[in-house]
Full PDB file with SEQRES, HELIX, SHEET, SSBOND, CRYST1, ORIGX, SCALE, CONECT and MASTER records, all heavy atoms in Angstrom:
SEQRES   1 A   36  LYS TYR SER LEU ALA ARG THR ASN GLY LEU VAL ASN GLU          
SEQRES   2 A   36  LEU ASP ASP ILE GLY GLY ASP VAL GLY ILE HIS GLY VAL          
SEQRES   3 A   36  VAL ASP GLY LEU GLU SER PHE ILE ASP ASN                      
HELIX    1 AA1 TYR A    2  THR A    7  1                                   6    
HELIX    2 AA2 SER A   32  ASP A   35  1                                   4    
CRYST1    1.000    1.000    1.000  90.00  90.00  90.00 P 1           1          
ORIGX1      1.000000  0.000000  0.000000        0.00000                         
ORIGX2      0.000000  1.000000  0.000000        0.00000                         
ORIGX3      0.000000  0.000000  1.000000        0.00000                         
SCALE1      1.000000  0.000000  0.000000        0.00000                         
SCALE2      0.000000  1.000000  0.000000        0.00000                         
SCALE3      0.000000  0.000000  1.000000        0.00000                         
ATOM      1  N   LYS A   1       9.593   7.802   7.339  1.00  0.00           N  
ATOM      2  CA  LYS A   1       8.172   8.052   7.589  1.00  0.00           C  
ATOM      3  C   LYS A   1       7.608   7.015   8.563  1.00  0.00           C  
ATOM      4  O   LYS A   1       6.817   7.351   9.453  1.00  0.00           O  
ATOM      5  CB  LYS A   1       7.389   7.999   6.276  1.00  0.00           C  
ATOM      6  CG  LYS A   1       7.660   9.157   5.332  1.00  0.00           C  
ATOM      7  CD  LYS A   1       6.803   8.997   4.075  1.00  0.00           C  
ATOM      8  CE  LYS A   1       7.026  10.126   3.096  1.00  0.00           C  
ATOM      9  NZ  LYS A   1       6.186   9.976   1.873  1.00  0.00           N  
ATOM     10  N   TYR A   2       8.003   5.770   8.368  1.00  0.00           N  
ATOM     11  CA  TYR A   2       7.529   4.692   9.235  1.00  0.00           C  
ATOM     12  C   TYR A   2       7.981   4.916  10.677  1.00  0.00           C  
ATOM     13  O   TYR A   2       7.195   4.773  11.623  1.00  0.00           O  
ATOM     14  CB  TYR A   2       8.050   3.361   8.706  1.00  0.00           C  
ATOM     15  CG  TYR A   2       7.703   2.160   9.555  1.00  0.00           C  
ATOM     16  CD1 TYR A   2       6.431   1.598   9.517  1.00  0.00           C  
ATOM     17  CD2 TYR A   2       8.668   1.568  10.377  1.00  0.00           C  
ATOM     18  CE1 TYR A   2       6.122   0.480  10.283  1.00  0.00           C  
ATOM     19  CE2 TYR A   2       8.365   0.447  11.140  1.00  0.00           C  
ATOM     20  CZ  TYR A   2       7.090  -0.089  11.088  1.00  0.00           C  
ATOM     21  OH  TYR A   2       6.794  -1.193  11.851  1.00  0.00           O  
ATOM     22  N   SER A   3       9.237   5.288  10.855  1.00  0.00           N  
ATOM     23  CA  SER A   3       9.764   5.544  12.202  1.00  0.00           C  
ATOM     24  C   SER A   3       9.038   6.708  12.864  1.00  0.00           C  
ATOM     25  O   SER A   3       8.711   6.654  14.057  1.00  0.00           O  
ATOM     26  CB  SER A   3      11.265   5.836  12.126  1.00  0.00           C  
ATOM     27  OG  SER A   3      11.978   4.717  11.645  1.00  0.00           O  
ATOM     28  N   LEU A   4       8.756   7.766  12.085  1.00  0.00           N  
ATOM     29  CA  LEU A   4       8.033   8.910  12.630  1.00  0.00           C  
ATOM     30  C   LEU A   4       6.613   8.501  13.012  1.00  0.00           C  
ATOM     31  O   LEU A   4       6.096   8.924  14.062  1.00  0.00           O  
ATOM     32  CB  LEU A   4       8.007  10.041  11.603  1.00  0.00           C  
ATOM     33  CG  LEU A   4       7.309  11.328  12.031  1.00  0.00           C  
ATOM     34  CD1 LEU A   4       8.002  11.925  13.258  1.00  0.00           C  
ATOM     35  CD2 LEU A   4       7.298  12.343  10.883  1.00  0.00           C  
ATOM     36  N   ALA A   5       5.987   7.672  12.186  1.00  0.00           N  
ATOM     37  CA  ALA A   5       4.637   7.209  12.504  1.00  0.00           C  
ATOM     38  C   ALA A   5       4.635   6.356  13.771  1.00  0.00           C  
ATOM     39  O   ALA A   5       3.713   6.433  14.590  1.00  0.00           O  
ATOM     40  CB  ALA A   5       4.069   6.411  11.327  1.00  0.00           C  
ATOM     41  N   ARG A   6       5.684   5.535  13.956  1.00  0.00           N  
ATOM     42  CA  ARG A   6       5.812   4.751  15.190  1.00  0.00           C  
ATOM     43  C   ARG A   6       5.930   5.678  16.392  1.00  0.00           C  
ATOM     44  O   ARG A   6       5.276   5.474  17.425  1.00  0.00           O  
ATOM     45  CB  ARG A   6       7.049   3.852  15.101  1.00  0.00           C  
ATOM     46  CG  ARG A   6       6.937   2.632  14.211  1.00  0.00           C  
ATOM     47  CD  ARG A   6       6.322   1.438  14.932  1.00  0.00           C  
ATOM     48  NE  ARG A   6       7.067   1.060  16.111  1.00  0.00           N  
ATOM     49  CZ  ARG A   6       8.057   0.165  16.133  1.00  0.00           C  
ATOM     50  NH1 ARG A   6       8.409  -0.451  15.004  1.00  0.00           N  
ATOM     51  NH2 ARG A   6       8.659  -0.149  17.251  1.00  0.00           N  
ATOM     52  N   THR A   7       6.767   6.699  16.256  1.00  0.00           N  
ATOM     53  CA  THR A   7       6.979   7.647  17.352  1.00  0.00           C  
ATOM     54  C   THR A   7       5.685   8.362  17.728  1.00  0.00           C  
ATOM     55  O   THR A   7       5.415   8.608  18.909  1.00  0.00           O  
ATOM     56  CB  THR A   7       8.048   8.691  16.959  1.00  0.00           C  
ATOM     57  OG1 THR A   7       9.275   8.019  16.679  1.00  0.00           O  
ATOM     58  CG2 THR A   7       8.258   9.715  18.069  1.00  0.00           C  
ATOM     59  N   ASN A   8       4.881   8.669  16.706  1.00  0.00           N  
ATOM     60  CA  ASN A   8       3.643   9.416  16.937  1.00  0.00           C  
ATOM     61  C   ASN A   8       2.461   8.504  17.265  1.00  0.00           C  
ATOM     62  O   ASN A   8       1.328   8.984  17.403  1.00  0.00           O  
ATOM     63  CB  ASN A   8       3.304  10.270  15.713  1.00  0.00           C  
ATOM     64  CG  ASN A   8       4.298  11.401  15.514  1.00  0.00           C  
ATOM     65  OD1 ASN A   8       4.918  11.867  16.461  1.00  0.00           O  
ATOM     66  ND2 ASN A   8       4.446  11.849  14.266  1.00  0.00           N  
ATOM     67  N   GLY A   9       2.720   7.195  17.375  1.00  0.00           N  
ATOM     68  CA  GLY A   9       1.670   6.269  17.749  1.00  0.00           C  
ATOM     69  C   GLY A   9       0.691   5.924  16.647  1.00  0.00           C  
ATOM     70  O   GLY A   9      -0.384   5.376  16.908  1.00  0.00           O  
ATOM     71  N   LEU A  10       1.054   6.229  15.403  1.00  0.00           N  
ATOM     72  CA  LEU A  10       0.166   5.940  14.276  1.00  0.00           C  
ATOM     73  C   LEU A  10       0.272   4.489  13.823  1.00  0.00           C  
ATOM     74  O   LEU A  10      -0.645   3.969  13.181  1.00  0.00           O  
ATOM     75  CB  LEU A  10       0.476   6.888  13.109  1.00  0.00           C  
ATOM     76  CG  LEU A  10       0.296   8.377  13.419  1.00  0.00           C  
ATOM     77  CD1 LEU A  10       0.704   9.223  12.226  1.00  0.00           C  
ATOM     78  CD2 LEU A  10      -1.159   8.664  13.798  1.00  0.00           C  
ATOM     79  N   VAL A  11       1.400   3.866  14.109  1.00  0.00           N  
ATOM     80  CA  VAL A  11       1.564   2.433  13.872  1.00  0.00           C  
ATOM     81  C   VAL A  11       2.194   1.842  15.132  1.00  0.00           C  
ATOM     82  O   VAL A  11       2.889   2.544  15.873  1.00  0.00           O  
ATOM     83  CB  VAL A  11       2.444   2.136  12.630  1.00  0.00           C  
ATOM     84  CG1 VAL A  11       1.796   2.681  11.364  1.00  0.00           C  
ATOM     85  CG2 VAL A  11       3.850   2.705  12.802  1.00  0.00           C  
ATOM     86  N   ASN A  12       1.949   0.559  15.375  1.00  0.00           N  
ATOM     87  CA  ASN A  12       2.526  -0.057  16.557  1.00  0.00           C  
ATOM     88  C   ASN A  12       3.691  -0.960  16.173  1.00  0.00           C  
ATOM     89  O   ASN A  12       3.973  -1.176  14.989  1.00  0.00           O  
ATOM     90  CB  ASN A  12       1.460  -0.807  17.367  1.00  0.00           C  
ATOM     91  CG  ASN A  12       0.844  -1.951  16.590  1.00  0.00           C  
ATOM     92  OD1 ASN A  12       1.557  -2.807  16.063  1.00  0.00           O  
ATOM     93  ND2 ASN A  12      -0.493  -1.986  16.529  1.00  0.00           N  
ATOM     94  N   GLU A  13       4.342  -1.505  17.168  1.00  0.00           N  
ATOM     95  CA  GLU A  13       5.557  -2.276  16.937  1.00  0.00           C  
ATOM     96  C   GLU A  13       5.305  -3.576  16.184  1.00  0.00           C  
ATOM     97  O   GLU A  13       6.228  -4.170  15.632  1.00  0.00           O  
ATOM     98  CB  GLU A  13       6.243  -2.572  18.266  1.00  0.00           C  
ATOM     99  CG  GLU A  13       5.396  -3.376  19.232  1.00  0.00           C  
ATOM    100  CD  GLU A  13       6.092  -3.606  20.561  1.00  0.00           C  
ATOM    101  OE1 GLU A  13       7.122  -2.941  20.803  1.00  0.00           O  
ATOM    102  OE2 GLU A  13       5.611  -4.436  21.345  1.00  0.00           O  
ATOM    103  N   LEU A  14       4.075  -4.006  16.141  1.00  0.00           N  
ATOM    104  CA  LEU A  14       3.739  -5.233  15.422  1.00  0.00           C  
ATOM    105  C   LEU A  14       3.398  -4.981  13.954  1.00  0.00           C  
ATOM    106  O   LEU A  14       3.265  -5.924  13.174  1.00  0.00           O  
ATOM    107  CB  LEU A  14       2.562  -5.940  16.098  1.00  0.00           C  
ATOM    108  CG  LEU A  14       2.801  -6.398  17.542  1.00  0.00           C  
ATOM    109  CD1 LEU A  14       1.547  -7.060  18.090  1.00  0.00           C  
ATOM    110  CD2 LEU A  14       3.998  -7.343  17.622  1.00  0.00           C  
ATOM    111  N   ASP A  15       3.247  -3.703  13.589  1.00  0.00           N  
ATOM    112  CA  ASP A  15       2.901  -3.360  12.210  1.00  0.00           C  
ATOM    113  C   ASP A  15       4.132  -3.424  11.323  1.00  0.00           C  
ATOM    114  O   ASP A  15       5.155  -2.799  11.621  1.00  0.00           O  
ATOM    115  CB  ASP A  15       2.303  -1.949  12.135  1.00  0.00           C  
ATOM    116  CG  ASP A  15       0.913  -1.875  12.729  1.00  0.00           C  
ATOM    117  OD1 ASP A  15       0.165  -2.858  12.594  1.00  0.00           O  
ATOM    118  OD2 ASP A  15       0.578  -0.840  13.341  1.00  0.00           O  
ATOM    119  N   ASP A  16       4.033  -4.159  10.225  1.00  0.00           N  
ATOM    120  CA  ASP A  16       5.114  -4.243   9.254  1.00  0.00           C  
ATOM    121  C   ASP A  16       4.990  -3.095   8.263  1.00  0.00           C  
ATOM    122  O   ASP A  16       3.889  -2.654   7.944  1.00  0.00           O  
ATOM    123  CB  ASP A  16       5.039  -5.582   8.527  1.00  0.00           C  
ATOM    124  CG  ASP A  16       6.271  -5.835   7.669  1.00  0.00           C  
ATOM    125  OD1 ASP A  16       6.251  -5.429   6.501  1.00  0.00           O  
ATOM    126  OD2 ASP A  16       7.231  -6.435   8.166  1.00  0.00           O  
ATOM    127  N   ILE A  17       6.117  -2.619   7.754  1.00  0.00           N  
ATOM    128  CA  ILE A  17       6.096  -1.500   6.815  1.00  0.00           C  
ATOM    129  C   ILE A  17       5.534  -1.903   5.458  1.00  0.00           C  
ATOM    130  O   ILE A  17       5.047  -1.076   4.702  1.00  0.00           O  
ATOM    131  CB  ILE A  17       7.509  -0.895   6.662  1.00  0.00           C  
ATOM    132  CG1 ILE A  17       7.441   0.453   5.919  1.00  0.00           C  
ATOM    133  CG2 ILE A  17       8.442  -1.872   5.971  1.00  0.00           C  
ATOM    134  CD1 ILE A  17       8.769   1.196   5.903  1.00  0.00           C  
ATOM    135  N   GLY A  18       5.587  -3.177   5.127  1.00  0.00           N  
ATOM    136  CA  GLY A  18       5.057  -3.642   3.850  1.00  0.00           C  
ATOM    137  C   GLY A  18       6.118  -3.667   2.763  1.00  0.00           C  
ATOM    138  O   GLY A  18       7.295  -3.397   2.998  1.00  0.00           O  
ATOM    139  N   GLY A  19       5.707  -4.001   1.569  1.00  0.00           N  
ATOM    140  CA  GLY A  19       6.625  -4.087   0.443  1.00  0.00           C  
ATOM    141  C   GLY A  19       5.909  -4.570  -0.801  1.00  0.00           C  
ATOM    142  O   GLY A  19       4.674  -4.606  -0.850  1.00  0.00           O  
ATOM    143  N   ASP A  20       6.683  -4.962  -1.819  1.00  0.00           N  
ATOM    144  CA  ASP A  20       6.128  -5.460  -3.080  1.00  0.00           C  
ATOM    145  C   ASP A  20       5.179  -4.452  -3.718  1.00  0.00           C  
ATOM    146  O   ASP A  20       4.074  -4.795  -4.154  1.00  0.00           O  
ATOM    147  CB  ASP A  20       5.398  -6.788  -2.877  1.00  0.00           C  
ATOM    148  CG  ASP A  20       6.300  -7.871  -2.313  1.00  0.00           C  
ATOM    149  OD1 ASP A  20       7.503  -7.834  -2.601  1.00  0.00           O  
ATOM    150  OD2 ASP A  20       5.795  -8.739  -1.571  1.00  0.00           O  
ATOM    151  N   VAL A  21       5.610  -3.220  -3.773  1.00  0.00           N  
ATOM    152  CA  VAL A  21       4.799  -2.150  -4.353  1.00  0.00           C  
ATOM    153  C   VAL A  21       5.383  -1.761  -5.702  1.00  0.00           C  
ATOM    154  O   VAL A  21       6.606  -1.680  -5.860  1.00  0.00           O  
ATOM    155  CB  VAL A  21       4.752  -0.918  -3.421  1.00  0.00           C  
ATOM    156  CG1 VAL A  21       3.976   0.221  -4.076  1.00  0.00           C  
ATOM    157  CG2 VAL A  21       4.138  -1.282  -2.079  1.00  0.00           C  
ATOM    158  N   GLY A  22       4.524  -1.520  -6.655  1.00  0.00           N  
ATOM    159  CA  GLY A  22       4.991  -1.115  -7.971  1.00  0.00           C  
ATOM    160  C   GLY A  22       3.833  -0.770  -8.881  1.00  0.00           C  
ATOM    161  O   GLY A  22       2.762  -0.350  -8.424  1.00  0.00           O  
ATOM    162  N   ILE A  23       4.039  -0.963 -10.179  1.00  0.00           N  
ATOM    163  CA  ILE A  23       3.023  -0.668 -11.197  1.00  0.00           C  
ATOM    164  C   ILE A  23       2.669  -1.971 -11.897  1.00  0.00           C  
ATOM    165  O   ILE A  23       3.558  -2.708 -12.333  1.00  0.00           O  
ATOM    166  CB  ILE A  23       3.547   0.349 -12.226  1.00  0.00           C  
ATOM    167  CG1 ILE A  23       3.989   1.651 -11.536  1.00  0.00           C  
ATOM    168  CG2 ILE A  23       2.470   0.648 -13.280  1.00  0.00           C  
ATOM    169  CD1 ILE A  23       4.696   2.627 -12.473  1.00  0.00           C  
ATOM    170  N   HIS A  24       1.376  -2.250 -12.009  1.00  0.00           N  
ATOM    171  CA  HIS A  24       0.946  -3.444 -12.733  1.00  0.00           C  
ATOM    172  C   HIS A  24      -0.336  -3.151 -13.487  1.00  0.00           C  
ATOM    173  O   HIS A  24      -0.926  -2.069 -13.376  1.00  0.00           O  
ATOM    174  CB  HIS A  24       0.790  -4.644 -11.801  1.00  0.00           C  
ATOM    175  CG  HIS A  24      -0.205  -4.474 -10.692  1.00  0.00           C  
ATOM    176  ND1 HIS A  24      -1.553  -4.294 -10.913  1.00  0.00           N  
ATOM    177  CD2 HIS A  24      -0.045  -4.474  -9.339  1.00  0.00           C  
ATOM    178  CE1 HIS A  24      -2.180  -4.203  -9.749  1.00  0.00           C  
ATOM    179  NE2 HIS A  24      -1.285  -4.301  -8.777  1.00  0.00           N  
ATOM    180  N   GLY A  25      -0.792  -4.150 -14.248  1.00  0.00           N  
ATOM    181  CA  GLY A  25      -1.998  -3.988 -15.046  1.00  0.00           C  
ATOM    182  C   GLY A  25      -3.225  -4.480 -14.313  1.00  0.00           C  
ATOM    183  O   GLY A  25      -3.307  -4.439 -13.078  1.00  0.00           O  
ATOM    184  N   VAL A  26      -4.202  -4.955 -15.077  1.00  0.00           N  
ATOM    185  CA  VAL A  26      -5.436  -5.510 -14.526  1.00  0.00           C  
ATOM    186  C   VAL A  26      -5.664  -6.878 -15.146  1.00  0.00           C  
ATOM    187  O   VAL A  26      -5.054  -7.223 -16.158  1.00  0.00           O  
ATOM    188  CB  VAL A  26      -6.654  -4.597 -14.815  1.00  0.00           C  
ATOM    189  CG1 VAL A  26      -6.511  -3.267 -14.127  1.00  0.00           C  
ATOM    190  CG2 VAL A  26      -6.838  -4.397 -16.324  1.00  0.00           C  
ATOM    191  N   VAL A  27      -6.535  -7.645 -14.530  1.00  0.00           N  
ATOM    192  CA  VAL A  27      -6.934  -8.911 -15.126  1.00  0.00           C  
ATOM    193  C   VAL A  27      -7.673  -8.618 -16.425  1.00  0.00           C  
ATOM    194  O   VAL A  27      -8.462  -7.672 -16.507  1.00  0.00           O  
ATOM    195  CB  VAL A  27      -7.834  -9.702 -14.160  1.00  0.00           C  
ATOM    196  CG1 VAL A  27      -8.334 -10.980 -14.809  1.00  0.00           C  
ATOM    197  CG2 VAL A  27      -7.069 -10.020 -12.883  1.00  0.00           C  
ATOM    198  N   ASP A  28      -7.428  -9.405 -17.459  1.00  0.00           N  
ATOM    199  CA  ASP A  28      -8.098  -9.200 -18.741  1.00  0.00           C  
ATOM    200  C   ASP A  28      -9.607  -9.104 -18.554  1.00  0.00           C  
ATOM    201  O   ASP A  28     -10.225  -9.918 -17.866  1.00  0.00           O  
ATOM    202  CB  ASP A  28      -7.783 -10.361 -19.696  1.00  0.00           C  
ATOM    203  CG  ASP A  28      -6.352 -10.316 -20.208  1.00  0.00           C  
ATOM    204  OD1 ASP A  28      -5.728  -9.242 -20.140  1.00  0.00           O  
ATOM    205  OD2 ASP A  28      -5.867 -11.359 -20.677  1.00  0.00           O  
ATOM    206  N   GLY A  29     -10.195  -8.086 -19.161  1.00  0.00           N  
ATOM    207  CA  GLY A  29     -11.629  -7.890 -19.072  1.00  0.00           C  
ATOM    208  C   GLY A  29     -12.052  -6.892 -18.023  1.00  0.00           C  
ATOM    209  O   GLY A  29     -13.228  -6.518 -17.962  1.00  0.00           O  
ATOM    210  N   LEU A  30     -11.111  -6.439 -17.180  1.00  0.00           N  
ATOM    211  CA  LEU A  30     -11.458  -5.511 -16.101  1.00  0.00           C  
ATOM    212  C   LEU A  30     -10.816  -4.146 -16.274  1.00  0.00           C  
ATOM    213  O   LEU A  30     -10.595  -3.430 -15.293  1.00  0.00           O  
ATOM    214  CB  LEU A  30     -11.066  -6.112 -14.748  1.00  0.00           C  
ATOM    215  CG  LEU A  30     -11.776  -7.402 -14.373  1.00  0.00           C  
ATOM    216  CD1 LEU A  30     -11.346  -7.864 -12.997  1.00  0.00           C  
ATOM    217  CD2 LEU A  30     -13.297  -7.238 -14.436  1.00  0.00           C  
ATOM    218  N   GLU A  31     -10.541  -3.745 -17.501  1.00  0.00           N  
ATOM    219  CA  GLU A  31      -9.899  -2.444 -17.718  1.00  0.00           C  
ATOM    220  C   GLU A  31     -10.851  -1.289 -17.425  1.00  0.00           C  
ATOM    221  O   GLU A  31     -10.422  -0.145 -17.274  1.00  0.00           O  
ATOM    222  CB  GLU A  31      -9.337  -2.374 -19.125  1.00  0.00           C  
ATOM    223  CG  GLU A  31      -8.269  -3.437 -19.349  1.00  0.00           C  
ATOM    224  CD  GLU A  31      -7.290  -3.087 -20.452  1.00  0.00           C  
ATOM    225  OE1 GLU A  31      -7.583  -2.143 -21.206  1.00  0.00           O  
ATOM    226  OE2 GLU A  31      -6.243  -3.745 -20.534  1.00  0.00           O  
ATOM    227  N   SER A  32     -12.134  -1.572 -17.309  1.00  0.00           N  
ATOM    228  CA  SER A  32     -13.093  -0.531 -16.918  1.00  0.00           C  
ATOM    229  C   SER A  32     -12.797  -0.012 -15.512  1.00  0.00           C  
ATOM    230  O   SER A  32     -13.221   1.093 -15.161  1.00  0.00           O  
ATOM    231  CB  SER A  32     -14.525  -1.065 -16.977  1.00  0.00           C  
ATOM    232  OG  SER A  32     -14.699  -2.152 -16.075  1.00  0.00           O  
ATOM    233  N   PHE A  33     -12.071  -0.809 -14.709  1.00  0.00           N  
ATOM    234  CA  PHE A  33     -11.672  -0.326 -13.382  1.00  0.00           C  
ATOM    235  C   PHE A  33     -10.850   0.948 -13.502  1.00  0.00           C  
ATOM    236  O   PHE A  33     -10.930   1.831 -12.644  1.00  0.00           O  
ATOM    237  CB  PHE A  33     -10.875  -1.407 -12.648  1.00  0.00           C  
ATOM    238  CG  PHE A  33     -11.716  -2.421 -11.939  1.00  0.00           C  
ATOM    239  CD1 PHE A  33     -12.906  -2.884 -12.488  1.00  0.00           C  
ATOM    240  CD2 PHE A  33     -11.321  -2.934 -10.721  1.00  0.00           C  
ATOM    241  CE1 PHE A  33     -13.685  -3.818 -11.841  1.00  0.00           C  
ATOM    242  CE2 PHE A  33     -12.096  -3.878 -10.055  1.00  0.00           C  
ATOM    243  CZ  PHE A  33     -13.277  -4.317 -10.615  1.00  0.00           C  
ATOM    244  N   ILE A  34     -10.059   1.046 -14.543  1.00  0.00           N  
ATOM    245  CA  ILE A  34      -9.237   2.237 -14.739  1.00  0.00           C  
ATOM    246  C   ILE A  34     -10.110   3.397 -15.204  1.00  0.00           C  
ATOM    247  O   ILE A  34     -10.014   4.516 -14.680  1.00  0.00           O  
ATOM    248  CB  ILE A  34      -8.114   1.963 -15.764  1.00  0.00           C  
ATOM    249  CG1 ILE A  34      -7.356   0.681 -15.413  1.00  0.00           C  
ATOM    250  CG2 ILE A  34      -7.160   3.161 -15.834  1.00  0.00           C  
ATOM    251  CD1 ILE A  34      -6.692   0.676 -14.063  1.00  0.00           C  
ATOM    252  N   ASP A  35     -10.980   3.143 -16.180  1.00  0.00           N  
ATOM    253  CA  ASP A  35     -11.870   4.192 -16.679  1.00  0.00           C  
ATOM    254  C   ASP A  35     -12.766   4.745 -15.577  1.00  0.00           C  
ATOM    255  O   ASP A  35     -13.053   5.942 -15.529  1.00  0.00           O  
ATOM    256  CB  ASP A  35     -12.751   3.647 -17.816  1.00  0.00           C  
ATOM    257  CG  ASP A  35     -11.953   3.297 -19.054  1.00  0.00           C  
ATOM    258  OD1 ASP A  35     -10.962   4.004 -19.347  1.00  0.00           O  
ATOM    259  OD2 ASP A  35     -12.314   2.315 -19.731  1.00  0.00           O  
ATOM    260  N   ASN A  36     -13.212   3.852 -14.694  1.00  0.00           N  
ATOM    261  CA  ASN A  36     -14.147   4.253 -13.640  1.00  0.00           C  
ATOM    262  C   ASN A  36     -13.463   4.774 -12.374  1.00  0.00           C  
ATOM    263  O   ASN A  36     -14.135   5.051 -11.385  1.00  0.00           O  
ATOM    264  CB  ASN A  36     -15.039   3.066 -13.261  1.00  0.00           C  
ATOM    265  CG  ASN A  36     -15.959   2.651 -14.391  1.00  0.00           C  
ATOM    266  OD1 ASN A  36     -16.229   3.439 -15.292  1.00  0.00           O  
ATOM    267  ND2 ASN A  36     -16.433   1.420 -14.363  1.00  0.00           N  
TER     268      ASN A  36                                                      
MASTER        0    0    0    2    0    0    0    6  267    1    0    3          
END                                                                             
């Protein structure tokens, strides 16, 4: 997907694909972020 986006000009050569993605919780006391 990243390579296709580069080809189509949606990202440039200086843009990193990113990483460190997953599932995590919230800081204690901010669970209303999920409800809202």
